[in-house]
Amino acid sequence: MAGRNDPQGTQGTNRDIRDDFRAEIREFLGTRRARVTPEQAGLPLYGGERRRVTGLRREEVALLAGISSEYYTRLERGNATGVSESVIDGIAQALQLDEAERTHLLDLLRGAGTTRPPRRRPAQQRVRPSVQRVLDSMAGTPAFILSGRGDILAANHLGRALFSPLYADPARPPNNARFVFLSPHATEFFRHWDEVAGDTVAMLRAEAGRDLYDRRLTDLIGELSTRSEEFRHRWAAHNVRMHTTGIKLLHHPVVGDLDLPFETFPLPDGPSQFLLTYTPEPHSPTHDALNLLASWAATNDDTERPAPADDTQPTDSAETPD
């Protein structure tokens, strides 16, 4: 995606910007179709039939969705003009899409119909001082503001102590995806690393569907694709996911194992910004460990606040208007 979606790439600005969205639609629907078998879809299999595809054929998806095979084929090729809500509902049901996948498909269809030029400069990611004060007031709860690409834009004191392994990387702002796939400490810090890796890629894929021309996101995906074979493999699966609540299993280098329930809340102001909080069960071992971590952080104040994302990045000449 990184090379294909670079608005300053080899094809130049004359390339139809909708081509990238069309390619994403084709690949996304193709991977969703491949994972659903006729048996799962409730379609009969006739004896001796030899199938060249592991999942559904295009005509089978069309049959299940109640549309013509020709129409579905055009849609899978990225011709998204005038797609009705009922058609989207039919395709989502036929391909057994969950809410996150349906939303991703809608984002891609919307992008394929746009004619706006890609932004030359990345969208600014600023956290209002009042939001930072809210974080700081949550003294007993690790709390963060994250961007859609996984940047830690702001955190409170306990949050910085909890994610001290991420802050060990001198790059600012700290980035969760970069840590997961490029740091040798990630598999120790995340006790269920494989699950975290899958969720991280799925969230990046969903964010890319919202805006394929976010330069910082494109650069991050390009970096991870170049440096991590594990990331490349997972990215090619086109999985998307909403991961707003759950339990994160961490191993902190100071206080050991932590079982941390988390909640995320979208912020209305910034583009794709979320409040993330970790709230352990009262009187649990994790609660006691967080209290110990807070005491440690109070006497080891070497985890600096992240600098604002836009002020710490060097200016890229490709992002400067001609």
Protein backbone atom coordinates (compact mmCIF):
# COMPACT_ATOMS: atom_id res chain seq x y z
CA MET A 1 0.00 0.00 0.00
CA ALA A 2 2.78 2.43 0.86
CA GLY A 3 4.11 2.70 -2.66
CA ARG A 4 0.76 2.46 -4.38
CA ASN A 5 -0.82 5.15 -2.23
CA ASP A 6 2.02 7.66 -2.29
CA PRO A 7 0.52 10.76 -3.94
CA GLN A 8 4.02 11.85 -4.92
CA GLY A 9 4.89 8.45 -6.41
CA THR A 10 6.14 7.52 -9.84
CA GLN A 11 2.79 8.04 -11.52
CA GLY A 12 2.60 11.65 -10.38
CA THR A 13 -0.41 13.79 -9.63
CA ASN A 14 -2.17 12.99 -12.92
CA ARG A 15 -3.05 9.52 -11.66
CA ASP A 16 -6.72 9.11 -10.73
CA ILE A 17 -6.64 9.11 -6.93
CA ARG A 18 -9.66 6.78 -6.89
CA ASP A 19 -7.53 3.96 -8.30
CA ASP A 20 -6.05 3.26 -4.88
CA PHE A 21 -9.46 2.89 -3.29
CA ARG A 22 -10.62 0.66 -6.15
CA ALA A 23 -7.62 -1.59 -5.63
CA GLU A 24 -8.35 -1.75 -1.89
CA ILE A 25 -12.00 -2.66 -2.60
CA ARG A 26 -10.91 -5.44 -4.94
CA GLU A 27 -8.41 -6.90 -2.49
CA PHE A 28 -10.69 -6.53 0.54
CA LEU A 29 -13.73 -8.15 -1.07
CA GLY A 30 -11.52 -10.84 -2.60
CA THR A 31 -10.09 -11.82 0.79
CA ARG A 32 -13.55 -11.76 2.42
CA ARG A 33 -14.96 -13.94 -0.36
CA ALA A 34 -12.11 -16.44 -0.04
CA ARG A 35 -12.77 -17.11 3.63
CA VAL A 36 -16.46 -18.07 3.30
CA THR A 37 -17.12 -21.62 2.07
CA PRO A 38 -20.32 -22.63 0.30
CA GLU A 39 -21.22 -24.75 3.33
CA GLN A 40 -20.87 -21.74 5.62
CA ALA A 41 -23.05 -19.71 3.27
CA GLY A 42 -25.72 -22.43 3.13
CA LEU A 43 -25.18 -23.22 -0.55
CA PRO A 44 -25.41 -26.79 -1.88
CA LEU A 45 -22.30 -28.60 -3.10
CA TYR A 46 -22.89 -31.05 -5.90
CA GLY A 47 -21.02 -34.34 -5.96
CA GLY A 48 -17.80 -34.36 -7.91
CA GLU A 49 -17.77 -30.61 -8.49
CA ARG A 50 -14.23 -29.33 -8.80
CA ARG A 51 -13.81 -25.79 -7.52
CA ARG A 52 -10.91 -23.55 -8.43
CA VAL A 53 -11.53 -21.24 -5.46
CA THR A 54 -11.44 -22.08 -1.77
CA GLY A 55 -14.27 -19.72 -0.90
CA LEU A 56 -17.27 -18.32 -2.71
CA ARG A 57 -17.36 -17.54 -6.40
CA ARG A 58 -18.43 -14.06 -7.46
CA GLU A 59 -21.69 -15.38 -8.85
CA GLU A 60 -22.43 -17.08 -5.54
CA VAL A 61 -21.91 -13.83 -3.64
CA ALA A 62 -24.21 -12.10 -6.12
CA LEU A 63 -26.86 -14.79 -5.64
CA LEU A 64 -26.70 -14.46 -1.86
CA ALA A 65 -26.75 -10.65 -2.05
CA GLY A 66 -29.72 -10.58 -4.45
CA ILE A 67 -27.90 -8.74 -7.24
CA SER A 68 -26.68 -9.69 -10.69
CA SER A 69 -23.32 -11.38 -11.15
CA GLU A 70 -22.25 -8.62 -13.55
CA TYR A 71 -23.07 -5.91 -11.03
CA TYR A 72 -21.15 -7.60 -8.22
CA THR A 73 -18.15 -8.19 -10.48
CA ARG A 74 -18.05 -4.48 -11.38
CA LEU A 75 -18.31 -3.60 -7.71
CA GLU A 76 -15.49 -5.94 -6.70
CA ARG A 77 -13.36 -4.31 -9.38
CA GLY A 78 -13.90 -0.98 -7.65
CA ASN A 79 -16.73 0.54 -9.69
CA ALA A 80 -18.50 1.97 -6.65
CA THR A 81 -20.70 4.60 -8.28
CA GLY A 82 -24.20 4.80 -6.83
CA VAL A 83 -24.08 1.73 -4.58
CA SER A 84 -27.25 1.65 -2.52
CA GLU A 85 -27.58 0.83 1.17
CA SER A 86 -29.58 -2.30 0.36
CA VAL A 87 -26.82 -3.60 -1.93
CA ILE A 88 -24.20 -3.00 0.77
CA ASP A 89 -26.38 -4.78 3.30
CA GLY A 90 -26.80 -7.73 0.94
CA ILE A 91 -23.06 -8.02 0.29
CA ALA A 92 -22.27 -7.67 3.99
CA GLN A 93 -24.68 -10.50 4.78
CA ALA A 94 -23.41 -12.70 1.95
CA LEU A 95 -19.78 -12.27 3.00
CA GLN A 96 -20.64 -12.45 6.71
CA LEU A 97 -18.99 -9.11 7.43
CA ASP A 98 -18.92 -7.88 11.02
CA GLU A 99 -19.52 -4.24 11.98
CA ALA A 100 -15.88 -3.24 11.56
CA GLU A 101 -15.65 -4.87 8.12
CA ARG A 102 -18.90 -3.28 6.95
CA THR A 103 -17.69 0.13 8.11
CA HIS A 104 -14.37 -0.44 6.32
CA LEU A 105 -16.18 -1.34 3.10
CA LEU A 106 -18.27 1.83 3.36
CA ASP A 107 -15.11 3.89 3.87
CA LEU A 108 -13.52 2.36 0.77
CA LEU A 109 -16.64 2.86 -1.33
CA ARG A 110 -16.82 6.47 -0.21
CA GLY A 111 -13.17 6.98 -1.08
CA ALA A 112 -13.60 5.42 -4.52
CA GLY A 113 -16.23 8.03 -5.29
CA THR A 114 -14.19 11.05 -4.22
CA THR A 115 -12.44 13.45 -6.56
CA ARG A 116 -10.56 15.50 -3.98
CA PRO A 117 -6.76 15.66 -4.34
CA PRO A 118 -4.63 14.03 -1.62
CA ARG A 119 -3.29 16.33 1.08
CA ARG A 120 0.30 17.49 0.66
CA ARG A 121 0.76 17.95 4.41
CA PRO A 122 -0.30 15.48 7.11
CA ALA A 123 -3.22 16.40 9.33
CA GLN A 124 -2.04 17.95 12.57
CA GLN A 125 -2.52 15.87 15.71
CA ARG A 126 -2.85 18.25 18.66
CA VAL A 127 -4.10 17.51 22.16
CA ARG A 128 -5.80 20.42 23.90
CA PRO A 129 -4.31 21.45 27.27
CA SER A 130 -7.66 20.78 28.93
CA VAL A 131 -7.52 17.17 27.70
CA GLN A 132 -4.03 16.79 29.19
CA ARG A 133 -5.41 18.12 32.48
CA VAL A 134 -8.13 15.45 32.36
CA LEU A 135 -5.45 12.79 31.92
CA ASP A 136 -3.39 14.19 34.78
CA SER A 137 -6.42 14.19 37.07
CA MET A 138 -6.75 10.41 36.62
CA ALA A 139 -3.90 9.79 39.03
CA GLY A 140 -4.60 6.11 39.77
CA THR A 141 -5.46 5.14 36.18
CA PRO A 142 -3.01 4.84 33.28
CA ALA A 143 -4.53 7.02 30.58
CA PHE A 144 -3.46 7.99 27.06
CA ILE A 145 -4.56 9.87 23.98
CA LEU A 146 -3.84 7.78 20.87
CA SER A 147 -4.03 8.64 17.20
CA GLY A 148 -5.54 6.28 14.68
CA ARG A 149 -2.04 5.25 13.58
CA GLY A 150 -1.07 4.28 17.13
CA ASP A 151 0.90 7.36 18.19
CA ILE A 152 0.82 8.17 21.91
CA LEU A 153 -0.06 11.86 21.65
CA ALA A 154 -0.44 12.42 25.39
CA ALA A 155 -0.37 10.40 28.62
CA ASN A 156 -0.55 10.91 32.36
CA HIS A 157 2.31 10.09 34.71
CA LEU A 158 1.18 6.54 35.45
CA GLY A 159 0.53 5.91 31.77
CA ARG A 160 4.08 6.90 30.86
CA ALA A 161 5.38 4.61 33.59
CA LEU A 162 3.22 1.74 32.36
CA PHE A 163 4.41 2.15 28.77
CA SER A 164 8.00 2.97 29.71
CA PRO A 165 9.31 0.34 27.21
CA LEU A 166 7.66 2.30 24.38
CA TYR A 167 9.15 5.57 25.62
CA ALA A 168 12.60 3.97 25.58
CA ASP A 169 12.58 4.48 21.80
CA PRO A 170 13.90 8.03 21.18
CA ALA A 171 11.49 8.56 18.27
CA ARG A 172 8.65 10.91 19.14
CA PRO A 173 5.78 10.48 19.41
CA PRO A 174 6.03 6.86 20.65
CA ASN A 175 4.14 4.56 18.33
CA ASN A 176 2.49 1.31 19.39
CA ALA A 177 2.67 -0.38 15.97
CA ARG A 178 6.36 0.40 15.58
CA PHE A 179 7.03 -1.04 19.04
CA VAL A 180 4.95 -4.18 18.41
CA PHE A 181 6.72 -5.13 15.19
CA LEU A 182 10.19 -3.60 15.47
CA SER A 183 11.18 -3.73 19.14
CA PRO A 184 12.90 -6.88 20.46
CA HIS A 185 11.15 -6.24 23.80
CA ALA A 186 7.58 -6.36 22.44
CA THR A 187 7.07 -10.12 22.75
CA GLU A 188 8.05 -9.95 26.42
CA PHE A 189 6.02 -6.82 27.20
CA PHE A 190 2.84 -8.15 25.54
CA ARG A 191 2.19 -11.59 27.01
CA HIS A 192 -0.23 -12.40 24.14
CA TRP A 193 1.90 -10.79 21.44
CA ASP A 194 0.27 -12.64 18.54
CA GLU A 195 -3.17 -11.29 19.47
CA VAL A 196 -1.82 -7.79 19.96
CA ALA A 197 -0.05 -7.91 16.59
CA GLY A 198 -3.24 -8.97 14.82
CA ASP A 199 -5.27 -6.24 16.51
CA THR A 200 -2.64 -3.62 15.71
CA VAL A 201 -2.58 -4.41 11.99
CA ALA A 202 -6.38 -4.63 11.85
CA MET A 203 -6.73 -1.17 13.40
CA LEU A 204 -4.14 0.30 11.01
CA ARG A 205 -6.00 -1.26 8.08
CA ALA A 206 -9.28 0.31 9.27
CA GLU A 207 -7.56 3.68 9.68
CA ALA A 208 -6.11 3.44 6.16
CA GLY A 209 -9.60 2.82 4.81
CA ARG A 210 -10.74 6.11 6.30
CA ASP A 211 -7.95 8.04 4.57
CA LEU A 212 -5.46 6.36 2.23
CA TYR A 213 -3.63 9.67 1.87
CA ASP A 214 -2.63 10.30 5.47
CA ARG A 215 1.08 10.80 4.81
CA ARG A 216 2.22 9.83 8.30
CA LEU A 217 0.15 6.64 8.17
CA THR A 218 1.42 5.78 4.71
CA ASP A 219 5.01 6.31 5.81
CA LEU A 220 4.48 4.13 8.90
CA ILE A 221 2.99 1.29 6.86
CA GLY A 222 5.83 1.56 4.39
CA GLU A 223 8.41 1.40 7.18
CA LEU A 224 6.79 -1.60 8.84
CA SER A 225 6.32 -3.40 5.52
CA THR A 226 9.99 -2.90 4.70
CA ARG A 227 11.38 -3.93 8.07
CA SER A 228 8.97 -6.63 9.29
CA GLU A 229 8.03 -9.76 7.37
CA GLU A 230 5.48 -10.52 10.10
CA PHE A 231 3.77 -7.20 9.44
CA ARG A 232 3.76 -7.75 5.66
CA HIS A 233 2.10 -11.13 6.07
CA ARG A 234 -0.61 -9.78 8.37
CA TRP A 235 -1.18 -6.65 6.28
CA ALA A 236 -1.88 -8.75 3.18
CA ALA A 237 -4.80 -10.45 4.97
CA HIS A 238 -6.86 -7.21 4.85
CA ASN A 239 -8.36 -7.85 8.29
CA VAL A 240 -10.04 -4.94 10.06
CA ARG A 241 -11.27 -4.77 13.61
CA MET A 242 -12.86 -2.52 16.22
CA HIS A 243 -11.00 -3.05 19.48
CA THR A 244 -12.64 -0.74 22.00
CA THR A 245 -12.68 -2.87 25.13
CA GLY A 246 -10.99 -5.98 26.51
CA ILE A 247 -8.15 -7.07 28.77
CA LYS A 248 -4.51 -6.40 27.96
CA LEU A 249 -2.00 -8.87 29.41
CA LEU A 250 1.34 -7.15 29.99
CA HIS A 251 4.63 -8.01 31.63
CA HIS A 252 6.15 -4.81 32.99
CA PRO A 253 9.92 -4.85 33.59
CA VAL A 254 9.47 -3.33 37.07
CA VAL A 255 6.26 -4.84 38.54
CA GLY A 256 5.80 -8.02 36.50
CA ASP A 257 2.54 -9.42 35.12
CA LEU A 258 -0.48 -7.13 34.78
CA ASP A 259 -4.03 -8.07 33.70
CA LEU A 260 -5.49 -4.73 32.66
CA PRO A 261 -9.10 -4.21 31.49
CA PHE A 262 -9.18 -1.32 29.04
CA GLU A 263 -11.73 1.00 27.48
CA THR A 264 -11.32 3.38 24.54
CA PHE A 265 -13.43 6.46 23.84
CA PRO A 266 -13.33 8.52 20.64
CA LEU A 267 -12.63 12.24 21.07
CA PRO A 268 -14.86 14.58 19.06
CA ASP A 269 -12.24 17.22 18.21
CA GLY A 270 -9.17 15.72 16.62
CA PRO A 271 -9.02 13.44 13.55
CA SER A 272 -9.04 9.84 14.79
CA GLN A 273 -8.06 10.51 18.40
CA PHE A 274 -9.02 8.20 21.24
CA LEU A 275 -8.86 8.21 25.02
CA LEU A 276 -7.48 4.89 26.30
CA THR A 277 -7.75 3.95 29.97
CA TYR A 278 -6.67 0.88 31.95
CA THR A 279 -8.74 0.14 35.05
CA PRO A 280 -7.75 -2.94 37.10
CA GLU A 281 -10.14 -4.78 39.40
CA PRO A 282 -10.07 -3.23 42.91
CA HIS A 283 -7.86 -5.08 45.40
CA SER A 284 -6.57 -7.40 42.69
CA PRO A 285 -2.86 -8.28 42.26
CA THR A 286 -2.80 -5.98 39.22
CA HIS A 287 -4.27 -3.14 41.30
CA ASP A 288 -1.54 -3.62 43.90
CA ALA A 289 1.11 -3.80 41.16
CA LEU A 290 -0.09 -0.50 39.67
CA ASN A 291 0.17 1.14 43.08
CA LEU A 292 3.73 -0.14 43.28
CA LEU A 293 4.40 1.17 39.78
CA ALA A 294 3.04 4.58 40.78
CA SER A 295 5.44 4.66 43.74
CA TRP A 296 8.32 3.63 41.51
CA ALA A 297 7.42 6.30 38.95
CA ALA A 298 7.33 8.98 41.64
CA THR A 299 10.97 8.32 42.47
CA ASN A 300 12.15 7.49 38.94
CA ASP A 301 10.86 10.39 36.92
CA ASP A 302 12.91 9.67 33.79
CA THR A 303 9.96 8.93 31.51
CA GLU A 304 9.50 12.24 29.79
CA ARG A 305 6.28 13.62 28.44
CA PRO A 306 5.94 13.05 24.70
CA ALA A 307 6.51 16.21 22.71
CA PRO A 308 3.71 17.32 20.38
CA ALA A 309 3.77 15.12 17.30
CA ASP A 310 3.89 17.90 14.72
CA ASP A 311 6.71 19.80 16.38
CA THR A 312 9.10 16.87 16.66
CA GLN A 313 9.05 15.60 13.10
CA PRO A 314 11.46 17.00 10.51
CA THR A 315 9.86 18.68 7.53
CA ASP A 316 9.65 16.39 4.51
CA SER A 317 10.22 18.19 1.28
CA ALA A 318 7.59 15.97 -0.37
CA GLU A 319 5.00 17.45 1.98
CA THR A 320 5.78 21.05 1.05
CA PRO A 321 3.52 22.53 -1.65
CA ASP A 322 5.20 23.27 -4.96
